[in-house]
Amino acid sequence: MTAEDQVFLSGLVAAFLPVTGRTAGLRNEAAAIDPRTRYELERVTAPTLVVHARDDGINPFEFGEYAARNIAGAELMALPGGGHLLLGHTAEVRERVNAFLRLHAPSGN
């Protein structure tokens, strides 16, 4: 793990504690990853960049591929590894997201 990833992970763990303060958020997250949940992705009209690691142990990579296929014009940034937290890819994800946002920013911004 890079030093940047270690700082990120330490901050993430600290933000989760105490977990009792995140009960509603955890319920929401559980509902969002429920494989029975269906979303009307074809109704999404906003520019979309799907960032997903092939070795995500929480949300299978196929979910990211599905989202990218079913959201009109979506782009998929497929990472070879990094797990659910995309560890080891911070710089390249940040660069790609910034480029995506610049490309899709409303004119005049």
Protein backbone atom coordinates (compact mmCIF):
# COMPACT_ATOMS: atom_id res chain seq x y z
CA MET A 1 0.00 0.00 0.00
CA THR A 2 1.30 3.45 -0.85
CA ALA A 3 1.72 6.11 1.82
CA GLU A 4 -1.21 7.97 0.26
CA ASP A 5 -3.38 4.84 0.50
CA GLN A 6 -2.36 4.35 4.15
CA VAL A 7 -3.43 7.90 5.01
CA PHE A 8 -6.70 7.41 3.10
CA LEU A 9 -7.43 4.11 4.83
CA SER A 10 -6.64 5.50 8.29
CA GLY A 11 -8.98 8.42 7.64
CA LEU A 12 -11.68 6.09 6.39
CA VAL A 13 -11.48 3.90 9.48
CA ALA A 14 -11.55 6.96 11.74
CA ALA A 15 -14.61 8.30 9.91
CA PHE A 16 -16.46 5.02 10.45
CA LEU A 17 -16.00 5.13 14.21
CA PRO A 18 -18.10 4.96 16.19
CA VAL A 19 -20.17 2.83 13.86
CA THR A 20 -23.31 3.55 15.88
CA GLY A 21 -23.33 7.02 14.32
CA ARG A 22 -23.49 5.48 10.85
CA THR A 23 -26.39 3.08 11.27
CA ALA A 24 -28.67 4.82 8.75
CA GLY A 25 -25.82 5.07 6.24
CA LEU A 26 -24.96 1.40 6.63
CA ARG A 27 -28.59 0.45 6.00
CA ASN A 28 -28.58 2.60 2.87
CA GLU A 29 -25.34 1.03 1.67
CA ALA A 30 -26.69 -2.48 2.27
CA ALA A 31 -29.80 -1.64 0.24
CA ALA A 32 -27.67 -0.20 -2.57
CA ILE A 33 -25.64 -3.41 -2.95
CA ASP A 34 -28.59 -5.78 -2.61
CA PRO A 35 -28.40 -7.93 -5.77
CA ARG A 36 -32.22 -8.00 -5.97
CA THR A 37 -32.37 -4.22 -6.37
CA ARG A 38 -33.04 -3.03 -9.91
CA TYR A 39 -32.30 0.48 -11.09
CA GLU A 40 -33.67 2.13 -14.23
CA LEU A 41 -30.20 2.96 -15.54
CA GLU A 42 -31.52 3.79 -19.00
CA ARG A 43 -33.18 6.84 -17.42
CA VAL A 44 -29.83 8.34 -16.35
CA THR A 45 -29.05 11.27 -18.62
CA ALA A 46 -26.09 12.82 -16.82
CA PRO A 47 -22.58 12.19 -18.13
CA THR A 48 -21.39 9.12 -16.26
CA LEU A 49 -17.98 7.66 -15.48
CA VAL A 50 -18.09 4.23 -13.87
CA VAL A 51 -14.88 3.43 -11.96
CA HIS A 52 -14.59 -0.19 -10.89
CA ALA A 53 -11.82 -2.61 -9.95
CA ARG A 54 -11.90 -6.11 -11.38
CA ASP A 55 -11.13 -7.55 -7.93
CA ASP A 56 -13.80 -5.65 -5.98
CA GLY A 57 -14.83 -8.11 -3.27
CA ILE A 58 -18.07 -6.31 -2.41
CA ASN A 59 -19.61 -5.38 -5.75
CA PRO A 60 -18.74 -7.79 -8.55
CA PHE A 61 -17.01 -6.20 -11.53
CA GLU A 62 -19.94 -7.30 -13.69
CA PHE A 63 -22.07 -4.68 -11.88
CA GLY A 64 -19.79 -1.93 -13.16
CA GLU A 65 -19.84 -3.34 -16.67
CA TYR A 66 -23.63 -3.58 -16.53
CA ALA A 67 -23.95 0.03 -15.39
CA ALA A 68 -21.63 1.29 -18.12
CA ARG A 69 -23.56 -0.67 -20.77
CA ASN A 70 -26.97 0.50 -19.62
CA ILE A 71 -26.32 4.19 -18.96
CA ALA A 72 -26.32 5.95 -22.32
CA GLY A 73 -22.88 7.24 -23.20
CA ALA A 74 -21.30 6.05 -19.95
CA GLU A 75 -17.57 5.43 -19.82
CA LEU A 76 -16.03 2.55 -17.86
CA MET A 77 -12.66 2.94 -16.16
CA ALA A 78 -11.79 -0.67 -15.43
CA LEU A 79 -8.94 -1.09 -12.98
CA PRO A 80 -7.00 -4.36 -12.85
CA GLY A 81 -6.94 -4.36 -9.04
CA GLY A 82 -7.29 -2.23 -5.96
CA GLY A 83 -10.38 -3.85 -4.51
CA HIS A 84 -13.48 -2.02 -3.43
CA LEU A 85 -11.46 1.01 -2.28
CA LEU A 86 -9.44 1.22 -5.52
CA LEU A 87 -6.21 1.16 -3.48
CA GLY A 88 -3.06 1.86 -5.43
CA HIS A 89 -4.92 3.81 -8.13
CA THR A 90 -5.58 7.14 -6.44
CA ALA A 91 -3.53 9.26 -8.83
CA GLU A 92 -4.88 7.71 -12.03
CA VAL A 93 -8.49 7.77 -10.81
CA ARG A 94 -8.14 11.41 -9.73
CA GLU A 95 -6.64 12.30 -13.12
CA ARG A 96 -9.40 10.50 -15.04
CA VAL A 97 -12.19 11.98 -12.92
CA ASN A 98 -10.76 15.49 -13.28
CA ALA A 99 -10.48 15.06 -17.07
CA PHE A 100 -14.05 13.72 -17.19
CA LEU A 101 -15.37 16.66 -15.17
CA ARG A 102 -13.50 19.19 -17.32
CA LEU A 103 -14.90 17.57 -20.46
CA HIS A 104 -18.46 17.64 -19.19
CA ALA A 105 -18.47 20.93 -17.28
CA PRO A 106 -21.11 23.35 -18.45
CA SER A 107 -19.64 26.01 -20.74
CA GLY A 108 -18.45 29.10 -18.93
CA ASN A 109 -17.15 27.13 -15.92
